Amino acid sequence: MRISDLAMKLLEVHRSGGTKLSRKAGNFLGECVVDPHPLTDRQAEWLNSLLERAALADRVEASHEA
């Protein structure tokens, strides 16, 4: 699944009351939806943390492509 799809999925879970997101996490997920650049290691870790907290099984890996 694409990173933008995972971010949208998390936002939808939040909207339906399935998880709580901070404003900062919401901003990050919005950025993931619209920014075509690959995630850094830290960003991938944060996204994975948010996915785990929402009990979503998907995981992402950072891309080291330029």
PDB file of N, CA and C in Angstrom:
ATOM      1  N   MET A   1       0.841  -1.175   0.000  1.00  0.00           N
ATOM      2  CA  MET A   1       0.000   0.000   0.000  1.00  0.00           C
ATOM      3  C   MET A   1       0.888   1.241   0.000  1.00  0.00           C
ATOM      4  N   ARG A   2       0.513   2.241  -0.757  1.00  0.00           N
ATOM      5  CA  ARG A   2       1.296   3.481  -0.832  1.00  0.00           C
ATOM      6  C   ARG A   2       1.222   4.249   0.481  1.00  0.00           C
ATOM      7  N   ILE A   3       2.237   5.040   0.742  1.00  0.00           N
ATOM      8  CA  ILE A   3       2.295   5.839   1.960  1.00  0.00           C
ATOM      9  C   ILE A   3       1.102   6.782   2.033  1.00  0.00           C
ATOM     10  N   SER A   4       0.742   7.406   0.933  1.00  0.00           N
ATOM     11  CA  SER A   4      -0.405   8.321   0.950  1.00  0.00           C
ATOM     12  C   SER A   4      -1.693   7.580   1.309  1.00  0.00           C
ATOM     13  N   ASP A   5      -1.834   6.350   0.847  1.00  0.00           N
ATOM     14  CA  ASP A   5      -3.022   5.548   1.181  1.00  0.00           C
ATOM     15  C   ASP A   5      -3.050   5.192   2.662  1.00  0.00           C
ATOM     16  N   LEU A   6      -1.885   4.848   3.212  1.00  0.00           N
ATOM     17  CA  LEU A   6      -1.808   4.528   4.638  1.00  0.00           C
ATOM     18  C   LEU A   6      -2.144   5.751   5.489  1.00  0.00           C
ATOM     19  N   ALA A   7      -1.621   6.902   5.086  1.00  0.00           N
ATOM     20  CA  ALA A   7      -1.903   8.136   5.823  1.00  0.00           C
ATOM     21  C   ALA A   7      -3.400   8.458   5.777  1.00  0.00           C
ATOM     22  N   MET A   8      -4.011   8.314   4.616  1.00  0.00           N
ATOM     23  CA  MET A   8      -5.455   8.560   4.503  1.00  0.00           C
ATOM     24  C   MET A   8      -6.236   7.566   5.358  1.00  0.00           C
ATOM     25  N   LYS A   9      -5.799   6.328   5.372  1.00  0.00           N
ATOM     26  CA  LYS A   9      -6.459   5.300   6.174  1.00  0.00           C
ATOM     27  C   LYS A   9      -6.420   5.687   7.649  1.00  0.00           C
ATOM     28  N   LEU A  10      -5.266   6.163   8.114  1.00  0.00           N
ATOM     29  CA  LEU A  10      -5.143   6.605   9.499  1.00  0.00           C
ATOM     30  C   LEU A  10      -6.046   7.794   9.791  1.00  0.00           C
ATOM     31  N   LEU A  11      -6.099   8.737   8.881  1.00  0.00           N
ATOM     32  CA  LEU A  11      -6.973   9.899   9.065  1.00  0.00           C
ATOM     33  C   LEU A  11      -8.442   9.480   9.117  1.00  0.00           C
ATOM     34  N   GLU A  12      -8.811   8.517   8.304  1.00  0.00           N
ATOM     35  CA  GLU A  12     -10.190   8.021   8.311  1.00  0.00           C
ATOM     36  C   GLU A  12     -10.519   7.312   9.622  1.00  0.00           C
ATOM     37  N   VAL A  13      -9.563   6.533  10.150  1.00  0.00           N
ATOM     38  CA  VAL A  13      -9.770   5.862  11.429  1.00  0.00           C
ATOM     39  C   VAL A  13      -9.939   6.909  12.533  1.00  0.00           C
ATOM     40  N   HIS A  14      -9.139   7.954  12.494  1.00  0.00           N
ATOM     41  CA  HIS A  14      -9.253   9.045  13.464  1.00  0.00           C
ATOM     42  C   HIS A  14     -10.626   9.715  13.361  1.00  0.00           C
ATOM     43  N   ARG A  15     -11.021   9.997  12.148  1.00  0.00           N
ATOM     44  CA  ARG A  15     -12.301  10.685  11.920  1.00  0.00           C
ATOM     45  C   ARG A  15     -13.481   9.868  12.436  1.00  0.00           C
ATOM     46  N   SER A  16     -13.382   8.553  12.351  1.00  0.00           N
ATOM     47  CA  SER A  16     -14.475   7.691  12.805  1.00  0.00           C
ATOM     48  C   SER A  16     -14.379   7.377  14.304  1.00  0.00           C
ATOM     49  N   GLY A  17     -13.373   7.950  14.982  1.00  0.00           N
ATOM     50  CA  GLY A  17     -13.240   7.766  16.417  1.00  0.00           C
ATOM     51  C   GLY A  17     -12.426   6.559  16.820  1.00  0.00           C
ATOM     52  N   GLY A  18     -11.781   5.908  15.871  1.00  0.00           N
ATOM     53  CA  GLY A  18     -11.009   4.702  16.161  1.00  0.00           C
ATOM     54  C   GLY A  18      -9.662   4.951  16.801  1.00  0.00           C
ATOM     55  N   THR A  19      -9.137   6.156  16.687  1.00  0.00           N
ATOM     56  CA  THR A  19      -7.866   6.521  17.298  1.00  0.00           C
ATOM     57  C   THR A  19      -7.840   8.030  17.479  1.00  0.00           C
ATOM     58  N   LYS A  20      -7.026   8.478  18.405  1.00  0.00           N
ATOM     59  CA  LYS A  20      -6.873   9.920  18.615  1.00  0.00           C
ATOM     60  C   LYS A  20      -5.524  10.342  18.057  1.00  0.00           C
ATOM     61  N   LEU A  21      -5.528  11.435  17.325  1.00  0.00           N
ATOM     62  CA  LEU A  21      -4.298  11.984  16.759  1.00  0.00           C
ATOM     63  C   LEU A  21      -4.103  13.403  17.275  1.00  0.00           C
ATOM     64  N   SER A  22      -2.865  13.765  17.520  1.00  0.00           N
ATOM     65  CA  SER A  22      -2.554  15.146  17.870  1.00  0.00           C
ATOM     66  C   SER A  22      -2.610  15.996  16.597  1.00  0.00           C
ATOM     67  N   ARG A  23      -2.649  17.271  16.773  1.00  0.00           N
ATOM     68  CA  ARG A  23      -2.628  18.177  15.614  1.00  0.00           C
ATOM     69  C   ARG A  23      -1.348  17.970  14.813  1.00  0.00           C
ATOM     70  N   LYS A  24      -0.244  17.776  15.521  1.00  0.00           N
ATOM     71  CA  LYS A  24       1.044  17.555  14.851  1.00  0.00           C
ATOM     72  C   LYS A  24       1.004  16.267  14.026  1.00  0.00           C
ATOM     73  N   ALA A  25       0.431  15.199  14.578  1.00  0.00           N
ATOM     74  CA  ALA A  25       0.324  13.941  13.839  1.00  0.00           C
ATOM     75  C   ALA A  25      -0.589  14.114  12.623  1.00  0.00           C
ATOM     76  N   GLY A  26      -1.676  14.855  12.790  1.00  0.00           N
ATOM     77  CA  GLY A  26      -2.576  15.120  11.662  1.00  0.00           C
ATOM     78  C   GLY A  26      -1.884  15.891  10.553  1.00  0.00           C
ATOM     79  N   ASN A  27      -1.085  16.875  10.939  1.00  0.00           N
ATOM     80  CA  ASN A  27      -0.322  17.638   9.941  1.00  0.00           C
ATOM     81  C   ASN A  27       0.667  16.735   9.211  1.00  0.00           C
ATOM     82  N   PHE A  28       1.333  15.885   9.963  1.00  0.00           N
ATOM     83  CA  PHE A  28       2.302  14.953   9.365  1.00  0.00           C
ATOM     84  C   PHE A  28       1.601  14.034   8.371  1.00  0.00           C
ATOM     85  N   LEU A  29       0.447  13.488   8.758  1.00  0.00           N
ATOM     86  CA  LEU A  29      -0.279  12.584   7.855  1.00  0.00           C
ATOM     87  C   LEU A  29      -0.747  13.326   6.607  1.00  0.00           C
ATOM     88  N   GLY A  30      -1.195  14.558   6.762  1.00  0.00           N
ATOM     89  CA  GLY A  30      -1.583  15.359   5.600  1.00  0.00           C
ATOM     90  C   GLY A  30      -0.417  15.569   4.655  1.00  0.00           C
ATOM     91  N   GLU A  31       0.755  15.805   5.223  1.00  0.00           N
ATOM     92  CA  GLU A  31       1.967  15.951   4.410  1.00  0.00           C
ATOM     93  C   GLU A  31       2.272  14.652   3.665  1.00  0.00           C
ATOM     94  N   CYS A  32       2.089  13.529   4.344  1.00  0.00           N
ATOM     95  CA  CYS A  32       2.326  12.229   3.707  1.00  0.00           C
ATOM     96  C   CYS A  32       1.389  12.007   2.522  1.00  0.00           C
ATOM     97  N   VAL A  33       0.185  12.549   2.615  1.00  0.00           N
ATOM     98  CA  VAL A  33      -0.796  12.382   1.544  1.00  0.00           C
ATOM     99  C   VAL A  33      -0.393  13.166   0.298  1.00  0.00           C
ATOM    100  N   VAL A  34       0.102  14.387   0.485  1.00  0.00           N
ATOM    101  CA  VAL A  34       0.335  15.260  -0.671  1.00  0.00           C
ATOM    102  C   VAL A  34       1.782  15.345  -1.142  1.00  0.00           C
ATOM    103  N   ASP A  35       2.749  14.958  -0.301  1.00  0.00           N
ATOM    104  CA  ASP A  35       4.162  15.087  -0.661  1.00  0.00           C
ATOM    105  C   ASP A  35       4.656  13.799  -1.327  1.00  0.00           C
ATOM    106  N   PRO A  36       5.110  13.889  -2.578  1.00  0.00           N
ATOM    107  CA  PRO A  36       5.539  12.685  -3.290  1.00  0.00           C
ATOM    108  C   PRO A  36       6.930  12.182  -2.882  1.00  0.00           C
ATOM    109  N   HIS A  37       7.657  12.935  -2.065  1.00  0.00           N
ATOM    110  CA  HIS A  37       9.010  12.534  -1.690  1.00  0.00           C
ATOM    111  C   HIS A  37       8.977  11.351  -0.721  1.00  0.00           C
ATOM    112  N   PRO A  38       9.993  10.494  -0.785  1.00  0.00           N
ATOM    113  CA  PRO A  38      10.057   9.344   0.129  1.00  0.00           C
ATOM    114  C   PRO A  38      10.234   9.798   1.574  1.00  0.00           C
ATOM    115  N   LEU A  39       9.848   8.939   2.493  1.00  0.00           N
ATOM    116  CA  LEU A  39       9.997   9.232   3.913  1.00  0.00           C
ATOM    117  C   LEU A  39      11.430   9.006   4.368  1.00  0.00           C
ATOM    118  N   THR A  40      11.851   9.809   5.339  1.00  0.00           N
ATOM    119  CA  THR A  40      13.133   9.567   5.991  1.00  0.00           C
ATOM    120  C   THR A  40      12.941   8.432   6.997  1.00  0.00           C
ATOM    121  N   ASP A  41      14.028   7.972   7.579  1.00  0.00           N
ATOM    122  CA  ASP A  41      13.937   6.921   8.597  1.00  0.00           C
ATOM    123  C   ASP A  41      13.049   7.360   9.758  1.00  0.00           C
ATOM    124  N   ARG A  42      13.232   8.577  10.234  1.00  0.00           N
ATOM    125  CA  ARG A  42      12.435   9.092  11.362  1.00  0.00           C
ATOM    126  C   ARG A  42      10.960   9.185  11.008  1.00  0.00           C
ATOM    127  N   GLN A  43      10.670   9.663   9.801  1.00  0.00           N
ATOM    128  CA  GLN A  43       9.278   9.765   9.375  1.00  0.00           C
ATOM    129  C   GLN A  43       8.631   8.382   9.279  1.00  0.00           C
ATOM    130  N   ALA A  44       9.376   7.416   8.736  1.00  0.00           N
ATOM    131  CA  ALA A  44       8.849   6.052   8.628  1.00  0.00           C
ATOM    132  C   ALA A  44       8.584   5.473  10.013  1.00  0.00           C
ATOM    133  N   GLU A  45       9.495   5.738  10.962  1.00  0.00           N
ATOM    134  CA  GLU A  45       9.290   5.268  12.336  1.00  0.00           C
ATOM    135  C   GLU A  45       8.029   5.880  12.937  1.00  0.00           C
ATOM    136  N   TRP A  46       7.829   7.173  12.718  1.00  0.00           N
ATOM    137  CA  TRP A  46       6.662   7.860  13.274  1.00  0.00           C
ATOM    138  C   TRP A  46       5.381   7.312  12.655  1.00  0.00           C
ATOM    139  N   LEU A  47       5.381   7.148  11.345  1.00  0.00           N
ATOM    140  CA  LEU A  47       4.197   6.612  10.677  1.00  0.00           C
ATOM    141  C   LEU A  47       3.898   5.200  11.181  1.00  0.00           C
ATOM    142  N   ASN A  48       4.921   4.376  11.334  1.00  0.00           N
ATOM    143  CA  ASN A  48       4.721   3.022  11.862  1.00  0.00           C
ATOM    144  C   ASN A  48       4.170   3.063  13.287  1.00  0.00           C
ATOM    145  N   SER A  49       4.655   3.998  14.085  1.00  0.00           N
ATOM    146  CA  SER A  49       4.154   4.147  15.447  1.00  0.00           C
ATOM    147  C   SER A  49       2.667   4.515  15.441  1.00  0.00           C
ATOM    148  N   LEU A  50       2.286   5.432  14.563  1.00  0.00           N
ATOM    149  CA  LEU A  50       0.875   5.820  14.459  1.00  0.00           C
ATOM    150  C   LEU A  50       0.017   4.663  13.963  1.00  0.00           C
ATOM    151  N   LEU A  51       0.539   3.893  13.016  1.00  0.00           N
ATOM    152  CA  LEU A  51      -0.197   2.729  12.511  1.00  0.00           C
ATOM    153  C   LEU A  51      -0.390   1.690  13.613  1.00  0.00           C
ATOM    154  N   GLU A  52       0.657   1.454  14.403  1.00  0.00           N
ATOM    155  CA  GLU A  52       0.560   0.478  15.495  1.00  0.00           C
ATOM    156  C   GLU A  52      -0.446   0.927  16.544  1.00  0.00           C
ATOM    157  N   ARG A  53      -0.407   2.213  16.887  1.00  0.00           N
ATOM    158  CA  ARG A  53      -1.326   2.743  17.888  1.00  0.00           C
ATOM    159  C   ARG A  53      -2.781   2.622  17.444  1.00  0.00           C
ATOM    160  N   ALA A  54      -3.006   2.709  16.151  1.00  0.00           N
ATOM    161  CA  ALA A  54      -4.361   2.592  15.601  1.00  0.00           C
ATOM    162  C   ALA A  54      -4.724   1.142  15.303  1.00  0.00           C
ATOM    163  N   ALA A  55      -3.842   0.218  15.668  1.00  0.00           N
ATOM    164  CA  ALA A  55      -4.053  -1.221  15.456  1.00  0.00           C
ATOM    165  C   ALA A  55      -4.204  -1.571  13.982  1.00  0.00           C
ATOM    166  N   LEU A  56      -3.440  -0.881  13.138  1.00  0.00           N
ATOM    167  CA  LEU A  56      -3.409  -1.187  11.707  1.00  0.00           C
ATOM    168  C   LEU A  56      -2.132  -1.979  11.442  1.00  0.00           C
ATOM    169  N   ALA A  57      -2.244  -3.063  10.715  1.00  0.00           N
ATOM    170  CA  ALA A  57      -1.141  -4.009  10.540  1.00  0.00           C
ATOM    171  C   ALA A  57      -0.081  -3.548   9.540  1.00  0.00           C
ATOM    172  N   ASP A  58      -0.400  -2.588   8.678  1.00  0.00           N
ATOM    173  CA  ASP A  58       0.540  -2.169   7.640  1.00  0.00           C
ATOM    174  C   ASP A  58       1.776  -1.526   8.253  1.00  0.00           C
ATOM    175  N   ARG A  59       2.910  -1.684   7.569  1.00  0.00           N
ATOM    176  CA  ARG A  59       4.168  -1.051   7.978  1.00  0.00           C
ATOM    177  C   ARG A  59       4.830  -0.438   6.751  1.00  0.00           C
ATOM    178  N   VAL A  60       5.620   0.595   6.990  1.00  0.00           N
ATOM    179  CA  VAL A  60       6.352   1.237   5.896  1.00  0.00           C
ATOM    180  C   VAL A  60       7.825   1.224   6.213  1.00  0.00           C
ATOM    181  N   GLU A  61       8.626   1.376   5.176  1.00  0.00           N
ATOM    182  CA  GLU A  61      10.057   1.498   5.317  1.00  0.00           C
ATOM    183  C   GLU A  61      10.509   2.786   4.658  1.00  0.00           C
ATOM    184  N   ALA A  62      11.543   3.366   5.189  1.00  0.00           N
ATOM    185  CA  ALA A  62      12.099   4.584   4.595  1.00  0.00           C
ATOM    186  C   ALA A  62      12.701   4.235   3.246  1.00  0.00           C
ATOM    187  N   SER A  63      12.663   5.194   2.353  1.00  0.00           N
ATOM    188  CA  SER A  63      13.293   5.019   1.055  1.00  0.00           C
ATOM    189  C   SER A  63      14.528   5.893   1.016  1.00  0.00           C
ATOM    190  N   HIS A  64      15.633   5.331   0.591  1.00  0.00           N
ATOM    191  CA  HIS A  64      16.872   6.094   0.545  1.00  0.00           C
ATOM    192  C   HIS A  64      17.191   6.562  -0.858  1.00  0.00           C
ATOM    193  N   GLU A  65      16.153   6.654  -1.675  1.00  0.00           N
ATOM    194  CA  GLU A  65      16.337   7.163  -3.040  1.00  0.00           C
ATOM    195  C   GLU A  65      16.336   8.669  -3.013  1.00  0.00           C
ATOM    196  N   ALA A  66      17.075   9.266  -3.896  1.00  0.00           N
ATOM    197  CA  ALA A  66      17.139  10.734  -3.966  1.00  0.00           C
ATOM    198  C   ALA A  66      16.010  11.260  -4.812  1.00  0.00           C
TER     199      ALA A  66
END
